Structure formats: C-alpha cells, structure tokens
Amino acid sequence: MSVVTMSFPILLILFFKYPEGLLLGMAIAYCLDFYVMSWAFGSPIFDVTAAIRFLLVSCFWVLLPDQRMLAIPIIAILSYIAIIVLTLTTRTKWLAKYS
C-alpha cells in the first residue's frame, strides 16, 4: 500500500497536467507493489507479472496509440487474473508439499 501511496502525487500531477497519461501512470504505478509482494511471499510470480504488464502497457502506449484506451485496462485486468490463478496454483502445490 505504501508504494501506491507514494505514487499518488505523480498520479495527481498526471491528472491535472497530462490527463491522457493517467491511464499509463496508473497501469504502471499499481504494479510497483508487485515487487514488494514478490519479496514478501518469496515467489517470482509477482516480479514476472509486473515486468510483463509494464512492457505490454508501454508497448501499447507507444506503438499502438489508437488501441491504448481499451488495451491497457484489459492488460491490467489480465495481469490481476494471472496473479490470482498463479498464486492459487502455487499455494496448492506448496500446501501439498508441506502437508
């Protein structure tokens, strides 16, 4: 939560000075805490998901500007779904191993 809170001033600046960049800023800022979660849970799943999300969002922003308003939210949603699925499967394997 602190990573999101620390990025809030950047998002406010984007909102007031460059509102069309807010989507990109939020898509990147809200995956920064994935790196902290990766360290906390001891799993690279969060690192990989954050890196892929950052790369895809950045590529769509730069290379396909006409599709960015639809593609970036879809990428964010899919990254959250991937985290849920991968975390549940990893947890199931971990529980089976140590139970």
C-alpha atoms as a PDB file:
ATOM      1  CA  MET A   1       0.000   0.000   0.000  1.00  0.00           C
ATOM      2  CA  SER A   2       2.848   2.402   0.683  1.00  0.00           C
ATOM      3  CA  VAL A   3       4.096   2.135  -2.888  1.00  0.00           C
ATOM      4  CA  VAL A   4       0.670   3.137  -4.173  1.00  0.00           C
ATOM      5  CA  THR A   5       0.504   5.975  -1.644  1.00  0.00           C
ATOM      6  CA  MET A   6       3.956   7.205  -2.644  1.00  0.00           C
ATOM      7  CA  SER A   7       2.980   7.240  -6.320  1.00  0.00           C
ATOM      8  CA  PHE A   8      -0.223   9.189  -5.632  1.00  0.00           C
ATOM      9  CA  PRO A   9       1.425  12.634  -6.124  1.00  0.00           C
ATOM     10  CA  ILE A  10       2.630  11.552  -9.551  1.00  0.00           C
ATOM     11  CA  LEU A  11      -0.886  10.452 -10.455  1.00  0.00           C
ATOM     12  CA  LEU A  12      -2.295  13.772  -9.269  1.00  0.00           C
ATOM     13  CA  ILE A  13       0.179  15.655 -11.421  1.00  0.00           C
ATOM     14  CA  LEU A  14      -0.779  13.497 -14.386  1.00  0.00           C
ATOM     15  CA  PHE A  15      -4.463  14.104 -13.673  1.00  0.00           C
ATOM     16  CA  PHE A  16      -4.109  17.876 -13.663  1.00  0.00           C
ATOM     17  CA  LYS A  17      -1.317  18.441 -16.219  1.00  0.00           C
ATOM     18  CA  TYR A  18      -1.454  15.446 -18.581  1.00  0.00           C
ATOM     19  CA  PRO A  19      -4.812  13.671 -18.103  1.00  0.00           C
ATOM     20  CA  GLU A  20      -4.369  11.412 -21.123  1.00  0.00           C
ATOM     21  CA  GLY A  21      -1.258   9.963 -19.449  1.00  0.00           C
ATOM     22  CA  LEU A  22      -3.151   8.998 -16.317  1.00  0.00           C
ATOM     23  CA  LEU A  23      -4.053   5.591 -17.714  1.00  0.00           C
ATOM     24  CA  LEU A  24      -0.405   4.769 -18.367  1.00  0.00           C
ATOM     25  CA  GLY A  25       0.670   6.133 -14.984  1.00  0.00           C
ATOM     26  CA  MET A  26      -1.909   4.110 -13.093  1.00  0.00           C
ATOM     27  CA  ALA A  27      -1.184   0.919 -15.031  1.00  0.00           C
ATOM     28  CA  ILE A  28       2.492   1.173 -14.103  1.00  0.00           C
ATOM     29  CA  ALA A  29       2.178   2.622 -10.589  1.00  0.00           C
ATOM     30  CA  TYR A  30      -0.306  -0.005  -9.451  1.00  0.00           C
ATOM     31  CA  CYS A  31       2.028  -2.854 -10.352  1.00  0.00           C
ATOM     32  CA  LEU A  32       5.010  -1.433  -8.445  1.00  0.00           C
ATOM     33  CA  ASP A  33       3.858  -3.110  -5.254  1.00  0.00           C
ATOM     34  CA  PHE A  34       4.115  -6.475  -7.026  1.00  0.00           C
ATOM     35  CA  TYR A  35       7.885  -6.323  -6.485  1.00  0.00           C
ATOM     36  CA  VAL A  36       7.362  -5.890  -2.749  1.00  0.00           C
ATOM     37  CA  MET A  37       4.881  -8.773  -2.714  1.00  0.00           C
ATOM     38  CA  SER A  38       7.391 -10.936  -4.561  1.00  0.00           C
ATOM     39  CA  TRP A  39       9.903 -10.349  -1.809  1.00  0.00           C
ATOM     40  CA  ALA A  40       7.294 -10.836   0.952  1.00  0.00           C
ATOM     41  CA  PHE A  41       5.906 -14.082  -0.444  1.00  0.00           C
ATOM     42  CA  GLY A  42       9.212 -15.395  -1.760  1.00  0.00           C
ATOM     43  CA  SER A  43       7.853 -16.068  -5.226  1.00  0.00           C
ATOM     44  CA  PRO A  44       8.968 -14.642  -8.574  1.00  0.00           C
ATOM     45  CA  ILE A  45       5.371 -14.781  -9.876  1.00  0.00           C
ATOM     46  CA  PHE A  46       4.778 -11.166  -8.890  1.00  0.00           C
ATOM     47  CA  ASP A  47       8.049  -9.954 -10.459  1.00  0.00           C
ATOM     48  CA  VAL A  48       7.340 -11.642 -13.764  1.00  0.00           C
ATOM     49  CA  THR A  49       3.742 -10.440 -13.887  1.00  0.00           C
ATOM     50  CA  ALA A  50       4.757  -6.843 -13.113  1.00  0.00           C
ATOM     51  CA  ALA A  51       7.504  -6.860 -15.724  1.00  0.00           C
ATOM     52  CA  ILE A  52       5.218  -8.290 -18.406  1.00  0.00           C
ATOM     53  CA  ARG A  53       2.488  -5.797 -17.531  1.00  0.00           C
ATOM     54  CA  PHE A  54       4.930  -2.887 -17.666  1.00  0.00           C
ATOM     55  CA  LEU A  55       6.309  -3.977 -21.037  1.00  0.00           C
ATOM     56  CA  LEU A  56       2.909  -4.609 -22.626  1.00  0.00           C
ATOM     57  CA  VAL A  57       1.405  -1.364 -21.350  1.00  0.00           C
ATOM     58  CA  SER A  58       4.427   0.628 -22.508  1.00  0.00           C
ATOM     59  CA  CYS A  59       4.434  -1.016 -25.934  1.00  0.00           C
ATOM     60  CA  PHE A  60       0.739  -0.379 -26.476  1.00  0.00           C
ATOM     61  CA  TRP A  61       1.144   3.214 -25.306  1.00  0.00           C
ATOM     62  CA  VAL A  62       3.963   3.920 -27.755  1.00  0.00           C
ATOM     63  CA  LEU A  63       3.312   1.627 -30.707  1.00  0.00           C
ATOM     64  CA  LEU A  64      -0.484   1.402 -30.885  1.00  0.00           C
ATOM     65  CA  PRO A  65      -1.912   4.689 -29.571  1.00  0.00           C
ATOM     66  CA  ASP A  66      -5.333   4.125 -31.157  1.00  0.00           C
ATOM     67  CA  GLN A  67      -5.876   0.917 -29.154  1.00  0.00           C
ATOM     68  CA  ARG A  68      -4.391   2.077 -25.828  1.00  0.00           C
ATOM     69  CA  MET A  69      -7.658   3.127 -24.167  1.00  0.00           C
ATOM     70  CA  LEU A  70      -9.048  -0.387 -24.499  1.00  0.00           C
ATOM     71  CA  ALA A  71      -5.859  -2.451 -24.423  1.00  0.00           C
ATOM     72  CA  ILE A  72      -4.289  -1.035 -21.253  1.00  0.00           C
ATOM     73  CA  PRO A  73      -7.259  -1.780 -18.965  1.00  0.00           C
ATOM     74  CA  ILE A  74      -7.513  -5.255 -20.486  1.00  0.00           C
ATOM     75  CA  ILE A  75      -3.800  -5.851 -19.843  1.00  0.00           C
ATOM     76  CA  ALA A  76      -4.226  -4.704 -16.236  1.00  0.00           C
ATOM     77  CA  ILE A  77      -7.243  -6.969 -15.707  1.00  0.00           C
ATOM     78  CA  LEU A  78      -5.449  -9.946 -17.248  1.00  0.00           C
ATOM     79  CA  SER A  79      -2.403  -9.354 -15.057  1.00  0.00           C
ATOM     80  CA  TYR A  80      -4.582  -9.427 -11.929  1.00  0.00           C
ATOM     81  CA  ILE A  81      -6.299 -12.607 -13.133  1.00  0.00           C
ATOM     82  CA  ALA A  82      -2.888 -14.166 -13.819  1.00  0.00           C
ATOM     83  CA  ILE A  83      -1.735 -13.273 -10.300  1.00  0.00           C
ATOM     84  CA  ILE A  84      -4.838 -14.893  -8.804  1.00  0.00           C
ATOM     85  CA  VAL A  85      -4.520 -18.082 -10.845  1.00  0.00           C
ATOM     86  CA  LEU A  86      -0.757 -18.418 -10.393  1.00  0.00           C
ATOM     87  CA  THR A  87      -0.915 -17.669  -6.672  1.00  0.00           C
ATOM     88  CA  LEU A  88      -3.651 -20.247  -6.126  1.00  0.00           C
ATOM     89  CA  THR A  89      -1.811 -22.962  -8.069  1.00  0.00           C
ATOM     90  CA  THR A  90       1.474 -22.182  -6.323  1.00  0.00           C
ATOM     91  CA  ARG A  91      -0.231 -22.208  -2.930  1.00  0.00           C
ATOM     92  CA  THR A  92      -1.887 -25.540  -3.714  1.00  0.00           C
ATOM     93  CA  LYS A  93       1.466 -27.073  -4.673  1.00  0.00           C
ATOM     94  CA  TRP A  94       3.101 -25.609  -1.567  1.00  0.00           C
ATOM     95  CA  LEU A  95       0.354 -26.973   0.704  1.00  0.00           C
ATOM     96  CA  ALA A  96       0.587 -30.417  -0.927  1.00  0.00           C
ATOM     97  CA  LYS A  97       4.346 -30.437  -0.409  1.00  0.00           C
ATOM     98  CA  TYR A  98       4.318 -29.395   3.252  1.00  0.00           C
ATOM     99  CA  SER A  99       1.078 -31.009   4.458  1.00  0.00           C
END
